[in-house]
Structures are given as C-alpha cells and as structure tokens.
Protein backbone atom coordinates (compact mmCIF):
# COMPACT_ATOMS: atom_id res chain seq x y z
CA MET A 1 39.49 -33.74 -1.77
CA ARG A 2 38.12 -32.40 1.48
CA THR A 3 38.14 -28.73 2.38
CA THR A 4 36.42 -26.44 4.84
CA ILE A 5 34.53 -23.35 3.68
CA SER A 6 32.26 -20.82 5.32
CA ILE A 7 28.81 -20.55 3.76
CA ASN A 8 26.23 -17.86 4.50
CA ASP A 9 23.33 -19.28 6.55
CA ALA A 10 20.72 -18.26 3.95
CA ILE A 11 22.69 -19.92 1.14
CA LEU A 12 23.23 -23.02 3.25
CA LYS A 13 19.48 -23.26 3.86
CA ASP A 14 18.78 -22.86 0.12
CA LEU A 15 21.34 -25.57 -0.71
CA ARG A 16 19.85 -27.99 1.80
CA THR A 17 16.34 -27.29 0.50
CA ALA A 18 17.47 -27.86 -3.10
CA ALA A 19 19.18 -31.11 -2.13
CA SER A 20 16.09 -32.45 -0.37
CA LYS A 21 13.78 -31.45 -3.25
CA ALA A 22 16.08 -33.07 -5.82
CA GLY A 23 16.60 -36.13 -3.63
CA VAL A 24 20.37 -35.97 -3.96
CA PRO A 25 23.13 -35.66 -1.36
CA PHE A 26 24.10 -32.20 -0.11
CA ARG A 27 27.61 -32.50 -1.56
CA THR A 28 26.16 -33.14 -5.04
CA ILE A 29 24.12 -29.92 -4.94
CA VAL A 30 27.12 -27.93 -3.69
CA HIS A 31 29.29 -29.44 -6.44
CA GLU A 32 26.73 -28.61 -9.16
CA ALA A 33 26.24 -25.07 -7.85
CA LEU A 34 29.99 -24.47 -7.88
CA GLN A 35 30.28 -25.83 -11.43
CA VAL A 36 27.49 -23.55 -12.69
CA GLY A 37 29.00 -20.59 -10.86
CA LEU A 38 32.46 -21.21 -12.29
CA ARG A 39 31.07 -21.63 -15.82
CA ASN A 40 29.28 -18.29 -15.58
CA LEU A 41 31.98 -16.46 -13.65
CA GLY A 42 33.37 -14.49 -16.59
CA ARG A 43 30.04 -13.90 -18.31
CA THR A 44 28.13 -10.71 -17.90
CA THR A 45 24.40 -10.77 -18.51
CA ARG A 46 23.22 -7.57 -20.05
CA GLN A 47 19.51 -6.93 -19.85
CA PRO A 48 17.82 -5.34 -22.85
CA ARG A 49 17.11 -1.66 -22.36
CA PHE A 50 13.61 -0.72 -21.36
CA ARG A 51 12.24 1.79 -23.83
CA VAL A 52 9.32 4.11 -23.31
CA PHE A 53 7.56 5.63 -26.28
CA SER A 54 5.44 8.74 -25.98
CA HIS A 55 2.21 9.24 -27.84
CA PRO A 56 0.35 12.47 -28.53
CA LEU A 57 -2.71 13.02 -26.35
CA HIS A 58 -4.59 15.01 -29.01
CA THR A 59 -5.89 17.46 -26.41
CA LYS A 60 -7.53 20.74 -27.27
CA GLU A 61 -5.30 23.78 -27.52
CA ALA A 62 -6.72 25.32 -24.33
CA PHE A 63 -5.68 22.30 -22.25
CA ARG A 64 -2.12 21.95 -23.57
CA VAL A 65 -0.73 24.35 -20.96
CA VAL A 66 -2.23 22.30 -18.10
CA PRO A 67 -0.38 19.13 -17.06
CA ALA A 68 -2.28 15.88 -17.72
CA ASN A 69 -2.22 14.84 -14.06
CA GLN A 70 -3.84 18.15 -13.09
CA LEU A 71 -6.60 17.53 -15.64
CA TYR A 72 -7.10 14.04 -14.26
CA ASP A 73 -7.35 15.39 -10.72
CA GLN A 74 -9.93 17.93 -11.83
CA LEU A 75 -12.02 15.30 -13.62
CA GLU A 76 -11.83 13.04 -10.57
CA ALA A 77 -12.93 15.89 -8.27
CA GLU A 78 -15.89 16.65 -10.55
CA GLN A 79 -16.88 13.01 -10.51
CA ASP A 80 -16.76 12.88 -6.71
CA ARG A 81 -19.07 15.90 -6.46
CA ARG A 82 -21.83 13.98 -8.27
C-alpha cells in the first residue's frame, strides 16, 4: 500500500544514512523502524534510580563547623603561596 507522510528532515537524513550503511532499500529501513516503534509503543522504560551514599569524613572536631569546600579552598590557597 502506498501512502504519503511527512518526515522531519533530521529523521529522514538518519533513515537514509542507516539504509546506505545497511545496504538495503530506504523503504526497508522505514518499514523496520516503524515495526520497532509500534512494538515498543506501549512500553515504558524506567531507568534505575541513581543513588548517592554519604561517607563520614572523619575530620577533627574543630573543622566540623567549616564546610568541606571552604577547607579545600583554604588548602589550595596555601599551596599556591608556596
């Protein structure tokens, strides 16, 4: 069956590139892309949550009131003075 559709220029370029790399006709690539898209249409891909774990710094009591980035800046400034 023949039909006319509008395809975004960037997608059209990607389809033509994929067809030439695979060595198959343009219509075959479009057909395969549509099949994959329809198969995955109802599926939702949920990425695993990214978790961050904190670890104690074991700093001395006198430095616990000063933020770590401020300590780093101070150490860096002392190193530059040398």
